[in-house]
Amino acid sequence: MKCQLKCHYLTTSATALAFGILGVVAASAAMVSDAKVAFLMPDQASTRYEQHDHPGFVAEMKKLCPNCTVLYQNADGDASRQQQQFNSVVSQGAKAIVIDPVDSTAAASLVKQAQAQGIKIIAYDRPIPSAPADYYVSFNNEGIGKAIAQSLVEHLKASKVPTADVGLLEVNGSPTDAAAGLIKKGIHEGLEDSGYATLAEYDTPEWVPAKAQQWVSGQISRFNKKIVGVVAANDGTGGGAVAAFKAAGVDPVPPITGNDATIAGLQLIIAGDEYNTISKPSEIVAGAAADIAVALLSGETPKAEMTLYDTPSKLFTPAVVTADNLKAEIIDKMINGKPIQTAAELCTGRYADGCKKLGITP
């Protein structure tokens, strides 16, 4: 199975080159000095923010501005809490705020509030369509949705799954997340002209896996054996779909997509319960966000490759991962001198046998 998205990962030093800000490191010592920079993440439903995004941002900030302070907060899926956290970092004197909004529409007021006070705002991972931030950095979310859908369709056709009288479920992300909207748009593009009908689709509130599981359970009762696959927008919702089929006694579980390459999602692929995911090492985008923050605070204009929602933007292109390339893309690929995940992290307990079948050994 070939990937629909080619892997174009950049190390943090290469990221600096991409933005044309190698001179920022020297300039930041004098111009940024001991600035406070906030890093506001949206939820804990996905483990990526605690395990990858935050550490990646802190590591790059230490390289660029050793005396700067990172103010980290996670809103745990609560837009009101994120508003409070935003107010807190402003009161603490943050000069730049990197924000992955819980609610992309509500975040517009935060952008305006910050900019009125001369605070630089970087939209992170999820765009803020109705209020242009100073910069937007993310993976290509629309491309991700299209890629996971096309990958699933190719797999179904290669497996000679008929298109008549059957179809797919579509489990989207949160309706308040603009990035989820882009993924959803990409999924629709990927399924267009596939020959497989979309039986039903669902926007999962706050990306909560349990809500995705509950909805999929209802669709299993409704459509039963007509369901030949599920396009889920991330590993959490994909895992919820897997749990729903297992609880219903469906064996084998139809192929289900994912996104984020979480440990849980990768283990589901190893076990044969999830078909694909998207590997997007968050340290890459987090490092880029740090580069941009320091550049803006230093009076630089970070180079943009495009404008999205009237905001200068940089989008990174990740890779589709299936069982066929999991070892190459996750175990063998190095980011900042470390594998994306280690065999020891993935091949635990009941997943050990699946790892052996894929040639993965701790």
Protein backbone atom coordinates (compact mmCIF):
# COMPACT_ATOMS: atom_id res chain seq x y z
CA MET A 1 0.00 0.00 0.00
CA LYS A 2 1.53 3.27 -1.02
CA CYS A 3 1.12 6.42 1.03
CA GLN A 4 -0.95 9.23 -0.40
CA LEU A 5 1.18 11.79 1.43
CA LYS A 6 4.93 11.77 1.09
CA CYS A 7 6.98 12.23 4.22
CA HIS A 8 8.74 15.61 4.32
CA TYR A 9 9.92 15.78 7.92
CA LEU A 10 12.30 18.52 8.96
CA THR A 11 14.57 18.55 11.98
CA THR A 12 14.26 21.61 14.15
CA SER A 13 17.47 23.04 12.68
CA ALA A 14 16.10 22.43 9.19
CA THR A 15 12.86 24.02 10.25
CA ALA A 16 14.78 27.17 11.05
CA LEU A 17 16.19 27.09 7.54
CA ALA A 18 12.69 26.68 6.13
CA PHE A 19 11.61 29.83 7.86
CA GLY A 20 14.79 31.71 6.96
CA ILE A 21 15.49 32.63 10.57
CA LEU A 22 18.86 31.13 11.35
CA GLY A 23 19.99 34.55 12.50
CA VAL A 24 17.22 34.65 15.08
CA VAL A 25 19.18 32.58 17.61
CA ALA A 26 21.82 35.27 17.96
CA ALA A 27 19.35 38.12 17.78
CA SER A 28 17.05 36.58 20.37
CA ALA A 29 19.63 36.79 23.15
CA ALA A 30 19.61 40.56 22.91
CA MET A 31 16.05 41.25 21.78
CA VAL A 32 14.00 38.48 23.41
CA SER A 33 16.12 37.95 26.53
CA ASP A 34 13.92 36.58 29.33
CA ALA A 35 10.54 36.79 27.58
CA LYS A 36 7.62 34.65 28.68
CA VAL A 37 6.01 32.57 25.94
CA ALA A 38 2.76 30.68 26.53
CA PHE A 39 1.95 27.28 25.05
CA LEU A 40 -1.79 26.61 25.42
CA MET A 41 -2.98 23.15 24.36
CA PRO A 42 -6.60 22.02 23.99
CA ASP A 43 -7.18 18.63 25.57
CA GLN A 44 -5.86 15.47 27.15
CA ALA A 45 -8.06 13.07 25.16
CA SER A 46 -5.04 12.63 22.90
CA THR A 47 -1.75 11.86 24.64
CA ARG A 48 0.28 13.73 22.04
CA TYR A 49 0.16 17.12 23.78
CA GLU A 50 1.76 15.92 26.99
CA GLN A 51 4.15 13.42 25.41
CA HIS A 52 5.28 15.23 22.26
CA ASP A 53 4.02 18.78 21.60
CA HIS A 54 4.91 20.31 24.96
CA PRO A 55 8.35 18.66 25.31
CA GLY A 56 9.16 19.54 21.69
CA PHE A 57 8.25 23.18 22.19
CA VAL A 58 10.24 23.47 25.42
CA ALA A 59 13.30 21.82 23.87
CA GLU A 60 13.40 24.21 20.92
CA MET A 61 12.76 27.26 23.13
CA LYS A 62 15.74 26.27 25.29
CA LYS A 63 17.91 26.20 22.18
CA LEU A 64 16.72 29.55 20.88
CA CYS A 65 16.24 31.45 24.11
CA PRO A 66 17.71 29.76 27.21
CA ASN A 67 16.46 32.51 29.51
CA CYS A 68 12.91 32.54 28.20
CA THR A 69 10.11 31.04 30.29
CA VAL A 70 7.49 28.70 28.79
CA LEU A 71 4.06 28.97 30.43
CA TYR A 72 2.28 25.70 29.68
CA GLN A 73 -1.43 25.04 30.16
CA ASN A 74 -3.81 22.34 28.92
CA ALA A 75 -7.54 23.13 28.84
CA ASP A 76 -8.68 19.47 28.96
CA GLY A 77 -11.36 20.09 26.33
CA ASP A 78 -12.95 23.06 28.14
CA ALA A 79 -13.17 26.32 26.15
CA SER A 80 -14.00 28.32 29.26
CA ARG A 81 -10.96 26.91 31.02
CA GLN A 82 -8.80 27.84 28.05
CA GLN A 83 -10.13 31.40 28.29
CA GLN A 84 -9.11 31.46 31.97
CA GLN A 85 -5.69 30.04 31.13
CA PHE A 86 -5.28 32.64 28.40
CA ASN A 87 -6.10 35.43 30.85
CA SER A 88 -3.66 33.93 33.34
CA VAL A 89 -0.68 33.90 30.97
CA VAL A 90 -1.50 37.43 29.83
CA SER A 91 -1.48 38.59 33.45
CA GLN A 92 1.84 36.80 33.94
CA GLY A 93 3.34 38.91 31.16
CA ALA A 94 3.41 36.54 28.17
CA LYS A 95 4.77 38.33 25.10
CA ALA A 96 3.77 35.58 22.68
CA ILE A 97 1.05 32.94 22.90
CA VAL A 98 0.96 29.69 20.94
CA ILE A 99 -2.60 28.40 21.11
CA ASP A 100 -4.26 25.21 19.91
CA PRO A 101 -7.88 26.25 20.45
CA VAL A 102 -10.54 24.09 22.03
CA ASP A 103 -13.13 26.15 20.16
CA SER A 104 -11.80 27.77 17.01
CA THR A 105 -14.67 30.25 16.81
CA ALA A 106 -14.43 31.34 20.46
CA ALA A 107 -10.66 31.73 20.09
CA ALA A 108 -11.18 34.68 17.73
CA SER A 109 -11.81 36.96 20.69
CA LEU A 110 -8.57 35.77 22.30
CA VAL A 111 -6.63 36.68 19.16
CA LYS A 112 -8.09 40.17 19.12
CA GLN A 113 -7.54 40.64 22.85
CA ALA A 114 -3.90 39.65 22.61
CA GLN A 115 -3.12 41.70 19.52
CA ALA A 116 -4.70 44.77 21.12
CA GLN A 117 -2.07 44.43 23.85
CA GLY A 118 0.82 43.87 21.45
CA ILE A 119 1.05 40.14 22.23
CA LYS A 120 1.98 37.90 19.31
CA ILE A 121 -0.45 35.05 18.60
CA ILE A 122 0.47 31.83 16.82
CA ALA A 123 -2.40 29.49 15.92
CA TYR A 124 -1.15 25.95 16.39
CA ASP A 125 -2.47 22.76 14.80
CA ARG A 126 -6.01 24.15 14.61
CA PRO A 127 -6.64 27.35 12.64
CA ILE A 128 -8.69 30.31 13.86
CA PRO A 129 -10.67 31.21 10.74
CA SER A 130 -12.51 34.35 11.87
CA ALA A 131 -9.56 36.32 13.31
CA PRO A 132 -6.16 36.32 11.57
CA ALA A 133 -3.40 35.32 13.98
CA ASP A 134 0.18 36.49 13.46
CA TYR A 135 1.04 33.03 12.13
CA TYR A 136 -0.44 29.54 11.74
CA VAL A 137 1.65 26.36 11.87
CA SER A 138 0.30 22.83 11.51
CA PHE A 139 0.31 19.63 9.58
CA ASN A 140 -1.85 19.64 6.45
CA ASN A 141 -5.16 18.62 7.98
CA GLU A 142 -7.20 18.53 4.78
CA GLY A 143 -4.49 16.39 3.19
CA ILE A 144 -4.57 14.08 6.22
CA GLY A 145 -8.30 13.47 5.87
CA LYS A 146 -8.00 12.77 2.17
CA ALA A 147 -5.04 10.45 2.68
CA ILE A 148 -6.59 8.21 5.36
CA ALA A 149 -9.79 7.91 3.33
CA GLN A 150 -8.01 7.09 0.07
CA SER A 151 -5.74 4.62 1.84
CA LEU A 152 -8.78 2.81 3.23
CA VAL A 153 -10.54 2.79 -0.15
CA GLU A 154 -7.44 1.37 -1.87
CA HIS A 155 -7.26 -1.35 0.78
CA LEU A 156 -10.92 -2.29 0.34
CA LYS A 157 -10.57 -2.48 -3.43
CA ALA A 158 -7.35 -4.50 -3.18
CA SER A 159 -9.25 -6.85 -0.87
CA LYS A 160 -12.01 -7.07 -3.50
CA VAL A 161 -14.69 -5.75 -1.14
CA PRO A 162 -17.78 -5.10 -3.31
CA THR A 163 -19.37 -1.66 -3.43
CA ALA A 164 -23.00 -2.71 -3.86
CA ASP A 165 -25.34 -2.62 -0.86
CA VAL A 166 -22.54 -1.79 1.59
CA GLY A 167 -20.84 1.36 2.82
CA LEU A 168 -18.66 3.21 5.28
CA LEU A 169 -19.12 5.04 8.54
CA GLU A 170 -17.41 8.41 8.98
CA VAL A 171 -16.41 9.45 12.50
CA ASN A 172 -15.27 13.06 12.41
CA GLY A 173 -13.65 15.20 15.08
CA SER A 174 -15.07 17.94 17.26
CA PRO A 175 -17.54 20.34 15.60
CA THR A 176 -15.86 23.26 17.42
CA ASP A 177 -12.41 22.42 16.01
CA ALA A 178 -11.60 24.07 12.67
CA ALA A 179 -8.86 21.51 12.03
CA ALA A 180 -11.44 18.75 12.40
CA GLY A 181 -13.47 20.56 9.76
CA LEU A 182 -10.49 20.47 7.41
CA ILE A 183 -9.94 16.76 8.09
CA LYS A 184 -13.63 16.16 7.42
CA LYS A 185 -13.41 18.04 4.13
CA GLY A 186 -10.41 15.94 3.15
CA ILE A 187 -12.23 12.72 4.04
CA HIS A 188 -15.13 13.73 1.80
CA GLU A 189 -12.67 14.36 -1.02
CA GLY A 190 -10.99 11.01 -0.43
CA LEU A 191 -14.28 9.13 -0.54
CA GLU A 192 -15.68 10.98 -3.54
CA ASP A 193 -16.04 8.69 -6.54
CA SER A 194 -14.76 5.74 -4.46
CA GLY A 195 -17.87 3.71 -5.19
CA TYR A 196 -18.49 3.18 -1.48
CA ALA A 197 -21.48 4.93 0.02
CA THR A 198 -21.24 6.81 3.30
CA LEU A 199 -23.89 5.14 5.44
CA ALA A 200 -23.74 7.77 8.19
CA GLU A 201 -21.33 10.30 9.69
CA TYR A 202 -20.90 11.89 13.09
CA ASP A 203 -19.05 14.89 14.51
CA THR A 204 -17.58 13.70 17.81
CA PRO A 205 -17.99 16.31 20.58
CA GLU A 206 -14.57 17.28 21.99
CA TRP A 207 -13.03 14.27 20.19
CA VAL A 208 -14.10 12.05 23.13
CA PRO A 209 -13.49 8.38 22.24
CA ALA A 210 -16.38 7.17 24.40
CA LYS A 211 -18.82 9.34 22.43
CA ALA A 212 -17.46 7.95 19.17
CA GLN A 213 -17.86 4.41 20.55
CA GLN A 214 -21.45 5.07 21.59
CA TRP A 215 -22.37 6.43 18.15
CA VAL A 216 -20.68 3.60 16.28
CA SER A 217 -22.48 1.07 18.49
CA GLY A 218 -25.77 2.55 17.37
CA GLN A 219 -24.75 2.32 13.72
CA ILE A 220 -23.74 -1.33 14.10
CA SER A 221 -27.26 -2.07 15.32
CA ARG A 222 -28.65 -0.05 12.43
CA PHE A 223 -26.52 -1.27 9.50
CA ASN A 224 -24.92 -4.48 10.79
CA LYS A 225 -22.96 -6.30 8.04
CA LYS A 226 -23.39 -3.45 5.56
CA ILE A 227 -20.49 -1.65 7.29
CA VAL A 228 -17.26 -2.57 5.47
CA GLY A 229 -15.04 0.16 6.90
CA VAL A 230 -14.84 3.22 9.14
CA VAL A 231 -13.04 6.47 8.40
CA ALA A 232 -12.23 7.84 11.85
CA ALA A 233 -10.51 11.22 12.12
CA ASN A 234 -7.97 10.28 14.81
CA ASP A 235 -6.72 7.33 16.83
CA GLY A 236 -9.02 8.15 19.76
CA THR A 237 -12.21 8.05 17.70
CA GLY A 238 -10.82 5.09 15.75
CA GLY A 239 -10.17 3.27 19.01
CA GLY A 240 -13.72 4.02 20.08
CA ALA A 241 -14.97 2.48 16.84
CA VAL A 242 -12.83 -0.63 17.40
CA ALA A 243 -14.23 -1.00 20.91
CA ALA A 244 -17.79 -0.73 19.57
CA PHE A 245 -17.30 -3.56 17.06
CA LYS A 246 -15.62 -5.79 19.62
CA ALA A 247 -18.40 -5.17 22.14
CA ALA A 248 -20.91 -6.15 19.45
CA GLY A 249 -19.03 -9.38 18.82
CA VAL A 250 -18.08 -8.44 15.24
CA ASP A 251 -15.15 -10.58 14.07
CA PRO A 252 -13.18 -9.60 12.16
CA VAL A 253 -13.44 -5.88 12.86
CA PRO A 254 -13.76 -3.98 9.55
CA PRO A 255 -10.78 -1.77 8.63
CA ILE A 256 -10.75 1.46 10.61
CA THR A 257 -8.60 4.54 10.07
CA GLY A 258 -6.89 6.81 12.57
CA ASN A 259 -4.58 9.79 12.86
CA ASP A 260 -1.81 10.96 15.25
CA ALA A 261 0.14 7.69 15.55
CA THR A 262 -0.49 7.45 19.28
CA ILE A 263 0.90 4.44 21.11
CA ALA A 264 -2.63 3.08 21.51
CA GLY A 265 -3.38 3.60 17.82
CA LEU A 266 -0.15 1.98 16.70
CA GLN A 267 -0.81 -0.98 18.97
CA LEU A 268 -4.25 -1.39 17.40
CA ILE A 269 -2.54 -1.55 14.00
CA ILE A 270 -0.09 -4.12 15.33
CA ALA A 271 -3.03 -6.16 16.62
CA GLY A 272 -4.81 -5.87 13.27
CA ASP A 273 -7.72 -3.89 14.70
CA GLU A 274 -6.94 -0.48 13.12
CA TYR A 275 -5.95 -0.21 9.48
CA ASN A 276 -4.01 3.05 9.27
CA THR A 277 -2.94 6.16 11.11
CA ILE A 278 -1.01 9.32 10.34
CA SER A 279 2.51 9.75 11.64
CA LYS A 280 3.03 13.39 12.41
CA PRO A 281 5.72 13.78 15.05
CA SER A 282 4.41 16.77 16.94
CA GLU A 283 7.92 17.79 17.98
CA ILE A 284 8.42 19.05 14.41
CA VAL A 285 5.49 21.47 14.46
CA ALA A 286 6.16 22.37 18.10
CA GLY A 287 9.76 23.23 17.23
CA ALA A 288 8.57 25.33 14.31
CA ALA A 289 6.15 27.18 16.60
CA ALA A 290 9.04 28.02 18.93
CA ASP A 291 11.10 29.27 15.98
CA ILE A 292 8.21 31.47 14.87
CA ALA A 293 7.56 32.84 18.36
CA VAL A 294 11.18 33.86 18.83
CA ALA A 295 11.31 35.35 15.33
CA LEU A 296 8.20 37.46 15.94
CA LEU A 297 9.49 38.65 19.32
CA SER A 298 12.81 39.53 17.68
CA GLY A 299 11.10 41.76 15.14
CA GLU A 300 11.61 39.27 12.31
CA THR A 301 9.01 38.29 9.72
CA PRO A 302 8.89 34.49 9.52
CA LYS A 303 8.70 33.20 5.98
CA ALA A 304 5.30 31.74 5.04
CA GLU A 305 4.65 29.20 2.31
CA MET A 306 0.98 30.16 2.01
CA THR A 307 -1.82 32.25 3.48
CA LEU A 308 -4.68 30.41 5.14
CA TYR A 309 -7.64 32.29 6.63
CA ASP A 310 -5.73 35.53 5.99
CA THR A 311 -2.92 34.23 8.21
CA PRO A 312 0.70 33.54 7.12
CA SER A 313 0.98 29.77 7.34
CA LYS A 314 3.33 26.80 7.23
CA LEU A 315 1.89 23.30 6.80
CA PHE A 316 3.96 20.15 7.17
CA THR A 317 3.17 17.00 5.21
CA PRO A 318 3.08 13.76 7.24
CA ALA A 319 2.94 10.08 6.27
CA VAL A 320 0.23 7.43 6.22
CA VAL A 321 1.19 4.41 8.34
CA THR A 322 -0.18 0.88 7.95
CA ALA A 323 1.12 -2.44 9.19
CA ASP A 324 3.20 -2.63 6.00
CA ASN A 325 5.36 0.40 6.82
CA LEU A 326 4.94 0.81 10.58
CA LYS A 327 8.44 -0.41 11.34
CA ALA A 328 10.05 1.90 8.77
CA GLU A 329 8.01 5.01 9.64
CA ILE A 330 7.76 4.64 13.42
CA ILE A 331 10.55 2.43 14.77
CA ASP A 332 13.36 3.11 12.29
CA LYS A 333 12.69 6.78 11.50
CA MET A 334 14.62 9.16 13.75
CA ILE A 335 13.48 12.61 14.87
CA ASN A 336 16.10 14.65 16.71
CA GLY A 337 18.15 11.49 17.17
CA LYS A 338 15.28 9.46 18.64
CA PRO A 339 12.82 7.01 17.10
CA ILE A 340 9.25 8.25 16.90
CA GLN A 341 8.30 5.33 19.14
CA THR A 342 10.44 2.44 20.37
CA ALA A 343 9.70 -1.25 20.01
CA ALA A 344 9.84 -1.52 23.80
CA GLU A 345 6.97 1.00 24.09
CA LEU A 346 4.80 -0.72 21.49
CA CYS A 347 5.49 -4.43 21.84
CA THR A 348 4.14 -4.97 25.33
CA GLY A 349 1.86 -7.76 26.58
CA ARG A 350 -0.55 -9.02 23.96
CA TYR A 351 1.08 -6.94 21.21
CA ALA A 352 4.36 -8.88 21.32
CA ASP A 353 3.20 -11.54 18.86
CA GLY A 354 1.91 -8.94 16.43
CA CYS A 355 5.24 -7.13 16.56
CA LYS A 356 7.09 -10.35 15.68
CA LYS A 357 4.88 -10.81 12.64
CA LEU A 358 5.84 -7.30 11.50
CA GLY A 359 9.54 -7.89 12.11
CA ILE A 360 9.62 -5.58 15.13
CA THR A 361 11.70 -6.75 18.08
CA PRO A 362 12.25 -4.85 21.35
